[in-house]
N, C-alpha and C. Protein backbone atom coordinates (compact mmCIF):
# COMPACT_ATOMS: atom_id res chain seq x y z
N MET A 1 0.84 -1.18 0.00
CA MET A 1 0.00 0.00 0.00
C MET A 1 0.89 1.24 0.00
N ASN A 2 0.57 2.16 -0.87
CA ASN A 2 1.37 3.36 -1.03
C ASN A 2 0.56 4.57 -0.55
N ASN A 3 1.01 5.22 0.50
CA ASN A 3 0.30 6.37 1.07
C ASN A 3 1.04 7.67 0.79
N ASN A 4 1.38 7.91 -0.45
CA ASN A 4 2.05 9.16 -0.79
C ASN A 4 1.01 10.27 -0.89
N ILE A 5 1.00 11.12 0.10
CA ILE A 5 0.05 12.23 0.15
C ILE A 5 0.75 13.48 -0.36
N ASP A 6 0.10 14.18 -1.26
CA ASP A 6 0.65 15.43 -1.78
C ASP A 6 0.22 16.57 -0.86
N PHE A 7 1.10 16.92 0.06
CA PHE A 7 0.77 17.95 1.04
C PHE A 7 0.73 19.34 0.43
N SER A 8 1.29 19.51 -0.76
CA SER A 8 1.24 20.83 -1.39
C SER A 8 -0.20 21.22 -1.69
N ILE A 9 -1.03 20.25 -2.02
CA ILE A 9 -2.45 20.53 -2.27
C ILE A 9 -3.13 20.99 -0.98
N ILE A 10 -2.82 20.34 0.11
CA ILE A 10 -3.39 20.70 1.41
C ILE A 10 -2.94 22.10 1.81
N ARG A 11 -1.66 22.42 1.61
CA ARG A 11 -1.15 23.76 1.93
C ARG A 11 -1.84 24.82 1.09
N GLU A 12 -2.01 24.56 -0.20
CA GLU A 12 -2.66 25.54 -1.08
C GLU A 12 -4.12 25.76 -0.68
N ARG A 13 -4.80 24.70 -0.31
CA ARG A 13 -6.19 24.85 0.17
C ARG A 13 -6.23 25.65 1.46
N ALA A 14 -5.29 25.38 2.35
CA ALA A 14 -5.23 26.14 3.61
C ALA A 14 -4.99 27.61 3.33
N LEU A 15 -4.07 27.91 2.43
CA LEU A 15 -3.78 29.30 2.09
C LEU A 15 -4.99 29.98 1.46
N ARG A 16 -5.70 29.27 0.59
CA ARG A 16 -6.91 29.83 -0.03
C ARG A 16 -7.96 30.14 1.04
N ASN A 17 -8.14 29.21 1.98
CA ASN A 17 -9.11 29.42 3.06
C ASN A 17 -8.72 30.58 3.96
N ILE A 18 -7.43 30.69 4.26
CA ILE A 18 -6.95 31.79 5.10
C ILE A 18 -7.22 33.12 4.40
N ARG A 19 -6.89 33.19 3.10
CA ARG A 19 -7.14 34.41 2.33
C ARG A 19 -8.62 34.81 2.40
N GLU A 20 -9.49 33.85 2.13
CA GLU A 20 -10.93 34.11 2.14
C GLU A 20 -11.40 34.56 3.52
N ASP A 21 -10.91 33.92 4.56
CA ASP A 21 -11.29 34.28 5.93
C ASP A 21 -10.83 35.69 6.28
N LEU A 22 -9.62 36.06 5.87
CA LEU A 22 -9.11 37.40 6.17
C LEU A 22 -9.91 38.47 5.44
N VAL A 23 -10.26 38.21 4.18
CA VAL A 23 -11.07 39.17 3.43
C VAL A 23 -12.45 39.30 4.08
N THR A 24 -13.02 38.20 4.50
CA THR A 24 -14.33 38.24 5.17
C THR A 24 -14.25 39.00 6.48
N GLU A 25 -13.23 38.71 7.28
CA GLU A 25 -13.09 39.31 8.60
C GLU A 25 -12.72 40.79 8.53
N TRP A 26 -11.87 41.16 7.60
CA TRP A 26 -11.33 42.52 7.56
C TRP A 26 -11.85 43.35 6.38
N GLY A 27 -12.74 42.79 5.57
CA GLY A 27 -13.22 43.47 4.37
C GLY A 27 -13.96 44.76 4.63
N ASN A 28 -14.50 44.94 5.82
CA ASN A 28 -15.18 46.19 6.15
C ASN A 28 -14.19 47.27 6.57
N THR A 29 -12.96 46.88 6.86
CA THR A 29 -11.93 47.82 7.30
C THR A 29 -11.01 48.22 6.15
N TYR A 30 -10.66 47.26 5.30
CA TYR A 30 -9.73 47.49 4.19
C TYR A 30 -10.34 46.97 2.89
N PRO A 31 -9.94 47.56 1.77
CA PRO A 31 -10.41 47.02 0.48
C PRO A 31 -9.90 45.58 0.28
N ALA A 32 -10.75 44.74 -0.25
CA ALA A 32 -10.38 43.34 -0.48
C ALA A 32 -9.12 43.24 -1.33
N GLU A 33 -8.98 44.14 -2.31
CA GLU A 33 -7.82 44.10 -3.19
C GLU A 33 -6.53 44.33 -2.41
N ALA A 34 -6.56 45.24 -1.43
CA ALA A 34 -5.37 45.52 -0.62
C ALA A 34 -5.01 44.30 0.23
N ILE A 35 -6.01 43.65 0.78
CA ILE A 35 -5.77 42.45 1.59
C ILE A 35 -5.17 41.36 0.70
N GLN A 36 -5.76 41.15 -0.46
CA GLN A 36 -5.29 40.09 -1.35
C GLN A 36 -3.89 40.38 -1.90
N GLU A 37 -3.62 41.63 -2.24
CA GLU A 37 -2.30 41.99 -2.75
C GLU A 37 -1.22 41.76 -1.68
N THR A 38 -1.51 42.19 -0.48
CA THR A 38 -0.56 41.99 0.62
C THR A 38 -0.41 40.51 0.92
N PHE A 39 -1.51 39.78 0.90
CA PHE A 39 -1.47 38.33 1.14
C PHE A 39 -0.54 37.66 0.13
N ASP A 40 -0.68 38.02 -1.15
CA ASP A 40 0.16 37.42 -2.18
C ASP A 40 1.64 37.71 -1.94
N THR A 41 1.94 38.94 -1.54
CA THR A 41 3.32 39.32 -1.25
C THR A 41 3.88 38.53 -0.08
N VAL A 42 3.10 38.46 1.00
CA VAL A 42 3.54 37.75 2.21
C VAL A 42 3.71 36.26 1.90
N LYS A 43 2.77 35.69 1.17
CA LYS A 43 2.85 34.27 0.81
C LYS A 43 4.10 33.99 -0.02
N THR A 44 4.38 34.82 -0.99
CA THR A 44 5.56 34.64 -1.83
C THR A 44 6.84 34.73 -1.01
N GLU A 45 6.90 35.71 -0.12
CA GLU A 45 8.08 35.87 0.73
C GLU A 45 8.32 34.63 1.59
N HIS A 46 7.25 34.11 2.19
CA HIS A 46 7.41 32.94 3.06
C HIS A 46 7.73 31.68 2.25
N LYS A 47 7.11 31.53 1.08
CA LYS A 47 7.41 30.35 0.26
C LYS A 47 8.86 30.37 -0.21
N THR A 48 9.37 31.56 -0.51
CA THR A 48 10.75 31.70 -0.98
C THR A 48 11.75 31.34 0.11
N LYS A 49 11.45 31.73 1.35
CA LYS A 49 12.38 31.53 2.46
C LYS A 49 12.16 30.22 3.22
N ALA A 50 11.09 29.52 2.93
CA ALA A 50 10.69 28.37 3.74
C ALA A 50 11.72 27.24 3.71
N VAL A 51 12.04 26.77 4.89
CA VAL A 51 12.85 25.56 5.03
C VAL A 51 11.89 24.38 5.17
N VAL A 52 10.82 24.58 5.93
CA VAL A 52 9.78 23.57 6.10
C VAL A 52 8.49 24.18 5.55
N GLU A 53 8.09 23.75 4.37
CA GLU A 53 6.94 24.35 3.70
C GLU A 53 5.62 24.12 4.42
N ASP A 54 5.55 23.11 5.27
CA ASP A 54 4.31 22.83 5.99
C ASP A 54 3.90 23.99 6.89
N PHE A 55 4.85 24.81 7.30
CA PHE A 55 4.55 25.92 8.20
C PHE A 55 4.15 27.20 7.48
N VAL A 56 4.25 27.23 6.16
CA VAL A 56 3.96 28.46 5.41
C VAL A 56 2.56 29.00 5.71
N PRO A 57 1.50 28.20 5.67
CA PRO A 57 0.17 28.77 5.95
C PRO A 57 0.08 29.43 7.33
N VAL A 58 0.66 28.81 8.34
CA VAL A 58 0.61 29.36 9.70
C VAL A 58 1.37 30.68 9.76
N LEU A 59 2.53 30.72 9.14
CA LEU A 59 3.35 31.93 9.16
C LEU A 59 2.69 33.06 8.38
N VAL A 60 2.11 32.73 7.24
CA VAL A 60 1.42 33.74 6.43
C VAL A 60 0.23 34.31 7.20
N GLU A 61 -0.55 33.44 7.82
CA GLU A 61 -1.71 33.91 8.58
C GLU A 61 -1.28 34.81 9.73
N ALA A 62 -0.25 34.42 10.45
CA ALA A 62 0.21 35.22 11.58
C ALA A 62 0.70 36.59 11.12
N GLU A 63 1.49 36.63 10.06
CA GLU A 63 1.99 37.91 9.57
C GLU A 63 0.86 38.78 9.04
N MET A 64 -0.08 38.18 8.33
CA MET A 64 -1.21 38.95 7.80
C MET A 64 -2.05 39.54 8.92
N LYS A 65 -2.32 38.78 9.95
CA LYS A 65 -3.11 39.31 11.07
C LYS A 65 -2.39 40.48 11.73
N GLU A 66 -1.08 40.37 11.87
CA GLU A 66 -0.31 41.47 12.45
C GLU A 66 -0.36 42.70 11.53
N ARG A 67 -0.22 42.49 10.25
CA ARG A 67 -0.28 43.61 9.30
C ARG A 67 -1.67 44.26 9.31
N LEU A 68 -2.69 43.45 9.39
CA LEU A 68 -4.05 44.00 9.42
C LEU A 68 -4.29 44.79 10.71
N ARG A 69 -3.80 44.29 11.82
CA ARG A 69 -3.97 45.01 13.09
C ARG A 69 -3.22 46.33 13.11
N THR A 70 -2.09 46.39 12.38
CA THR A 70 -1.26 47.60 12.41
C THR A 70 -1.40 48.44 11.14
N SER A 71 -2.37 48.12 10.32
CA SER A 71 -2.63 48.87 9.07
C SER A 71 -1.43 48.88 8.13
N ASP A 72 -0.70 47.79 8.07
CA ASP A 72 0.49 47.68 7.23
C ASP A 72 0.17 46.86 5.98
N LEU A 73 -0.71 47.43 5.13
CA LEU A 73 -1.12 46.74 3.91
C LEU A 73 -0.66 47.49 2.68
N GLU A 74 -0.37 46.74 1.63
CA GLU A 74 -0.03 47.35 0.35
C GLU A 74 -1.29 47.88 -0.30
N GLY A 75 -1.24 49.08 -0.79
CA GLY A 75 -2.37 49.66 -1.50
C GLY A 75 -3.50 50.15 -0.62
N ALA A 76 -3.36 50.08 0.69
CA ALA A 76 -4.42 50.57 1.59
C ALA A 76 -4.20 52.05 1.84
N THR A 77 -5.29 52.76 1.95
CA THR A 77 -5.19 54.21 2.20
C THR A 77 -5.38 54.52 3.65
């Protein structure tokens, strides 16, 4: 029996869900485009530097929440 699980699919689904949740939670405070643009930047930065890719969704979510709390978004006025 071969149990080769492609965890990249699980990570991408987690990242998609995190993005959607952040837009839903913070969409009344910031434009969705600003949240998504910043999310893409943060995700790319973490994926580029990742030693253990399984932690990327957790790290992206934590950084995004901090940026949202401190109004540190790209394209936000």
